[in-house]
Amino acid sequence: MGVPDTQVAIWGRELSSILPNIESGQTLTAIYTPKQGTIFFHDGKRVAQIPGTEFSKAFFGIWLDPKTSAPKLRNELLGQGCPPPLFNEAC
């Protein structure tokens, strides 16, 4: 999705160092908050935050960007509503 490989590697290392292993029955939730970035919760407890919109766009774009490799899943996730404003796509 246009992210340089070097940046992908940096984010990958960061994610692997801050996110816990998830076992069956556990949850990992990511929430984008403007001016704060992406906040991660493990079973409802805050575990990490990555500031900035660039990471958020890339991370959530895996599932929500119009160019996702999983367009059917994207449509299911978005339902009938508009996509998040993070992607600036017109409804």
N, C-alpha and C. Protein backbone atom coordinates (compact mmCIF):
# COMPACT_ATOMS: atom_id res chain seq x y z
N MET A 1 0.82 -1.19 0.00
CA MET A 1 0.00 0.00 0.00
C MET A 1 0.86 1.25 0.00
N GLY A 2 2.03 1.14 -0.56
CA GLY A 2 2.88 2.30 -0.71
C GLY A 2 3.78 2.62 0.46
N VAL A 3 3.86 1.74 1.44
CA VAL A 3 4.75 1.97 2.58
C VAL A 3 6.11 1.37 2.24
N PRO A 4 7.17 2.14 2.40
CA PRO A 4 8.51 1.62 2.10
C PRO A 4 8.85 0.41 2.97
N ASP A 5 9.58 -0.54 2.39
CA ASP A 5 9.95 -1.75 3.11
C ASP A 5 10.69 -1.45 4.41
N THR A 6 11.51 -0.41 4.41
CA THR A 6 12.26 -0.08 5.62
C THR A 6 11.31 0.32 6.75
N GLN A 7 10.25 1.07 6.41
CA GLN A 7 9.27 1.47 7.42
C GLN A 7 8.47 0.27 7.91
N VAL A 8 8.11 -0.62 7.00
CA VAL A 8 7.39 -1.84 7.37
C VAL A 8 8.23 -2.65 8.36
N ALA A 9 9.52 -2.75 8.11
CA ALA A 9 10.41 -3.50 9.01
C ALA A 9 10.48 -2.84 10.40
N ILE A 10 10.55 -1.52 10.43
CA ILE A 10 10.59 -0.80 11.70
C ILE A 10 9.31 -1.05 12.49
N TRP A 11 8.17 -0.90 11.83
CA TRP A 11 6.89 -1.13 12.52
C TRP A 11 6.75 -2.58 12.95
N GLY A 12 7.22 -3.50 12.12
CA GLY A 12 7.16 -4.92 12.47
C GLY A 12 7.94 -5.23 13.74
N ARG A 13 9.14 -4.68 13.84
CA ARG A 13 9.94 -4.88 15.05
C ARG A 13 9.26 -4.26 16.27
N GLU A 14 8.69 -3.08 16.07
CA GLU A 14 8.01 -2.40 17.18
C GLU A 14 6.81 -3.22 17.65
N LEU A 15 6.00 -3.69 16.71
CA LEU A 15 4.83 -4.49 17.08
C LEU A 15 5.23 -5.77 17.79
N SER A 16 6.26 -6.44 17.30
CA SER A 16 6.66 -7.70 17.94
C SER A 16 7.21 -7.48 19.35
N SER A 17 7.72 -6.29 19.62
CA SER A 17 8.25 -6.03 20.95
C SER A 17 7.18 -5.57 21.95
N ILE A 18 6.06 -5.03 21.46
CA ILE A 18 5.07 -4.48 22.39
C ILE A 18 3.80 -5.31 22.51
N LEU A 19 3.49 -6.12 21.52
CA LEU A 19 2.24 -6.87 21.57
C LEU A 19 2.46 -8.26 22.17
N PRO A 20 1.53 -8.69 23.02
CA PRO A 20 1.66 -10.01 23.64
C PRO A 20 1.24 -11.11 22.68
N ASN A 21 1.63 -12.33 23.00
CA ASN A 21 1.11 -13.49 22.27
C ASN A 21 -0.35 -13.64 22.67
N ILE A 22 -1.18 -13.92 21.71
CA ILE A 22 -2.62 -14.05 21.96
C ILE A 22 -2.98 -15.53 21.88
N GLU A 23 -3.63 -16.00 22.94
CA GLU A 23 -4.06 -17.39 22.98
C GLU A 23 -5.55 -17.47 22.72
N SER A 24 -6.01 -18.65 22.42
CA SER A 24 -7.43 -18.88 22.17
C SER A 24 -8.25 -18.33 23.34
N GLY A 25 -9.30 -17.57 23.01
CA GLY A 25 -10.16 -17.00 24.02
C GLY A 25 -9.76 -15.60 24.46
N GLN A 26 -8.57 -15.15 24.07
CA GLN A 26 -8.13 -13.81 24.40
C GLN A 26 -8.45 -12.86 23.25
N THR A 27 -8.41 -11.57 23.53
CA THR A 27 -8.66 -10.58 22.49
C THR A 27 -7.52 -9.58 22.41
N LEU A 28 -7.30 -9.09 21.21
CA LEU A 28 -6.41 -7.97 20.96
C LEU A 28 -7.22 -6.97 20.16
N THR A 29 -7.36 -5.77 20.69
CA THR A 29 -8.15 -4.73 20.05
C THR A 29 -7.26 -3.56 19.72
N ALA A 30 -7.43 -3.01 18.52
CA ALA A 30 -6.69 -1.82 18.12
C ALA A 30 -7.71 -0.73 17.82
N ILE A 31 -7.47 0.45 18.37
CA ILE A 31 -8.38 1.58 18.18
C ILE A 31 -7.57 2.77 17.70
N TYR A 32 -8.06 3.40 16.63
CA TYR A 32 -7.44 4.63 16.14
C TYR A 32 -8.13 5.81 16.79
N THR A 33 -7.32 6.69 17.37
CA THR A 33 -7.84 7.91 17.97
C THR A 33 -7.06 9.09 17.38
N PRO A 34 -7.76 10.02 16.73
CA PRO A 34 -7.05 11.18 16.17
C PRO A 34 -6.20 11.86 17.24
N LYS A 35 -5.05 12.31 16.82
CA LYS A 35 -4.05 12.99 17.66
C LYS A 35 -3.36 12.06 18.65
N GLN A 36 -3.79 10.80 18.76
CA GLN A 36 -3.13 9.85 19.65
C GLN A 36 -2.51 8.69 18.87
N GLY A 37 -3.09 8.34 17.74
CA GLY A 37 -2.59 7.21 16.97
C GLY A 37 -3.37 5.95 17.26
N THR A 38 -2.69 4.82 17.19
CA THR A 38 -3.32 3.52 17.40
C THR A 38 -3.00 3.03 18.80
N ILE A 39 -4.05 2.66 19.52
CA ILE A 39 -3.89 2.16 20.88
C ILE A 39 -4.32 0.69 20.88
N PHE A 40 -3.50 -0.17 21.48
CA PHE A 40 -3.77 -1.60 21.53
C PHE A 40 -4.19 -2.02 22.93
N PHE A 41 -5.20 -2.90 22.98
CA PHE A 41 -5.70 -3.43 24.24
C PHE A 41 -5.67 -4.96 24.18
N HIS A 42 -5.18 -5.58 25.24
CA HIS A 42 -5.17 -7.04 25.36
C HIS A 42 -6.15 -7.39 26.47
N ASP A 43 -7.22 -8.08 26.08
CA ASP A 43 -8.29 -8.42 27.03
C ASP A 43 -8.77 -7.19 27.79
N GLY A 44 -8.91 -6.08 27.06
CA GLY A 44 -9.44 -4.86 27.65
C GLY A 44 -8.44 -3.99 28.37
N LYS A 45 -7.21 -4.43 28.53
CA LYS A 45 -6.19 -3.64 29.21
C LYS A 45 -5.24 -3.03 28.18
N ARG A 46 -5.02 -1.74 28.32
CA ARG A 46 -4.14 -1.05 27.39
C ARG A 46 -2.72 -1.60 27.52
N VAL A 47 -2.13 -1.97 26.37
CA VAL A 47 -0.78 -2.53 26.40
C VAL A 47 0.22 -1.73 25.58
N ALA A 48 -0.25 -0.92 24.62
CA ALA A 48 0.70 -0.19 23.79
C ALA A 48 0.00 0.91 23.01
N GLN A 49 0.81 1.84 22.53
CA GLN A 49 0.32 2.91 21.67
C GLN A 49 1.38 3.24 20.65
N ILE A 50 0.96 3.41 19.41
CA ILE A 50 1.87 3.86 18.35
C ILE A 50 1.29 5.16 17.82
N PRO A 51 1.98 6.28 18.06
CA PRO A 51 1.44 7.57 17.64
C PRO A 51 1.51 7.78 16.13
N GLY A 52 0.72 8.72 15.67
CA GLY A 52 0.77 9.14 14.28
C GLY A 52 -0.26 8.47 13.39
N THR A 53 -0.57 9.16 12.30
CA THR A 53 -1.57 8.63 11.37
C THR A 53 -0.98 7.68 10.34
N GLU A 54 0.31 7.79 10.03
CA GLU A 54 0.88 6.94 8.98
C GLU A 54 0.81 5.46 9.37
N PHE A 55 1.19 5.14 10.60
CA PHE A 55 1.07 3.76 11.05
C PHE A 55 -0.39 3.33 11.02
N SER A 56 -1.26 4.18 11.54
CA SER A 56 -2.68 3.84 11.61
C SER A 56 -3.25 3.56 10.22
N LYS A 57 -2.93 4.40 9.26
CA LYS A 57 -3.41 4.18 7.89
C LYS A 57 -2.93 2.84 7.36
N ALA A 58 -1.67 2.55 7.56
CA ALA A 58 -1.11 1.30 7.05
C ALA A 58 -1.69 0.09 7.78
N PHE A 59 -1.79 0.17 9.10
CA PHE A 59 -2.27 -0.96 9.89
C PHE A 59 -3.73 -1.27 9.58
N PHE A 60 -4.60 -0.28 9.70
CA PHE A 60 -6.01 -0.52 9.44
C PHE A 60 -6.30 -0.71 7.95
N GLY A 61 -5.41 -0.17 7.12
CA GLY A 61 -5.55 -0.35 5.68
C GLY A 61 -5.43 -1.79 5.24
N ILE A 62 -4.79 -2.62 6.06
CA ILE A 62 -4.70 -4.05 5.74
C ILE A 62 -6.09 -4.58 5.46
N TRP A 63 -7.07 -4.12 6.23
CA TRP A 63 -8.45 -4.61 6.09
C TRP A 63 -9.39 -3.60 5.46
N LEU A 64 -9.11 -2.28 5.61
CA LEU A 64 -10.10 -1.27 5.24
C LEU A 64 -9.76 -0.44 4.01
N ASP A 65 -8.52 -0.44 3.55
CA ASP A 65 -8.15 0.35 2.38
C ASP A 65 -8.84 -0.22 1.15
N PRO A 66 -9.28 0.65 0.24
CA PRO A 66 -9.91 0.16 -0.99
C PRO A 66 -9.03 -0.80 -1.79
N LYS A 67 -7.70 -0.74 -1.59
CA LYS A 67 -6.78 -1.63 -2.33
C LYS A 67 -6.41 -2.88 -1.53
N THR A 68 -7.18 -3.21 -0.49
CA THR A 68 -6.89 -4.38 0.32
C THR A 68 -6.86 -5.65 -0.53
N SER A 69 -6.12 -6.63 -0.09
CA SER A 69 -6.09 -7.91 -0.80
C SER A 69 -7.29 -8.78 -0.40
N ALA A 70 -8.11 -8.27 0.52
CA ALA A 70 -9.30 -9.01 0.97
C ALA A 70 -10.55 -8.13 0.81
N PRO A 71 -10.94 -7.82 -0.43
CA PRO A 71 -12.06 -6.90 -0.63
C PRO A 71 -13.39 -7.40 -0.06
N LYS A 72 -13.60 -8.70 -0.07
CA LYS A 72 -14.86 -9.23 0.47
C LYS A 72 -14.92 -8.97 1.98
N LEU A 73 -13.82 -9.23 2.68
CA LEU A 73 -13.77 -8.97 4.10
C LEU A 73 -13.96 -7.49 4.38
N ARG A 74 -13.33 -6.64 3.57
CA ARG A 74 -13.49 -5.19 3.73
C ARG A 74 -14.96 -4.80 3.66
N ASN A 75 -15.65 -5.31 2.65
CA ASN A 75 -17.07 -4.99 2.51
C ASN A 75 -17.87 -5.46 3.71
N GLU A 76 -17.54 -6.63 4.23
CA GLU A 76 -18.24 -7.14 5.41
C GLU A 76 -17.96 -6.27 6.63
N LEU A 77 -16.71 -5.84 6.79
CA LEU A 77 -16.36 -5.01 7.94
C LEU A 77 -17.03 -3.65 7.88
N LEU A 78 -17.13 -3.10 6.68
CA LEU A 78 -17.72 -1.77 6.54
C LEU A 78 -19.24 -1.80 6.48
N GLY A 79 -19.83 -2.94 6.16
CA GLY A 79 -21.28 -3.02 6.07
C GLY A 79 -21.80 -2.01 5.07
N GLN A 80 -22.90 -1.39 5.40
CA GLN A 80 -23.51 -0.40 4.50
C GLN A 80 -23.05 1.02 4.77
N GLY A 81 -22.26 1.20 5.81
CA GLY A 81 -21.84 2.55 6.21
C GLY A 81 -20.67 3.07 5.41
N CYS A 82 -20.28 4.26 5.71
CA CYS A 82 -19.14 4.89 5.07
C CYS A 82 -17.85 4.38 5.71
N PRO A 83 -16.75 4.37 4.95
CA PRO A 83 -15.48 3.98 5.53
C PRO A 83 -14.99 5.05 6.50
N PRO A 84 -14.09 4.68 7.38
CA PRO A 84 -13.57 5.66 8.33
C PRO A 84 -12.92 6.83 7.61
N PRO A 85 -13.03 8.04 8.16
CA PRO A 85 -12.45 9.21 7.50
C PRO A 85 -10.94 9.13 7.35
N LEU A 86 -10.31 8.23 8.08
CA LEU A 86 -8.86 8.05 7.98
C LEU A 86 -8.44 7.75 6.54
N PHE A 87 -9.34 7.14 5.77
CA PHE A 87 -9.01 6.76 4.40
C PHE A 87 -9.54 7.72 3.37
N ASN A 88 -10.25 8.75 3.77
CA ASN A 88 -10.70 9.82 2.88
C ASN A 88 -11.39 9.32 1.63
N GLU A 89 -12.17 8.29 1.77
CA GLU A 89 -12.89 7.77 0.61
C GLU A 89 -14.33 8.28 0.67
N ALA A 90 -14.82 8.77 -0.46
CA ALA A 90 -16.20 9.25 -0.51
C ALA A 90 -17.17 8.09 -0.46
N CYS A 91 -18.32 8.33 0.16
CA CYS A 91 -19.34 7.27 0.24
C CYS A 91 -20.11 7.20 -1.06
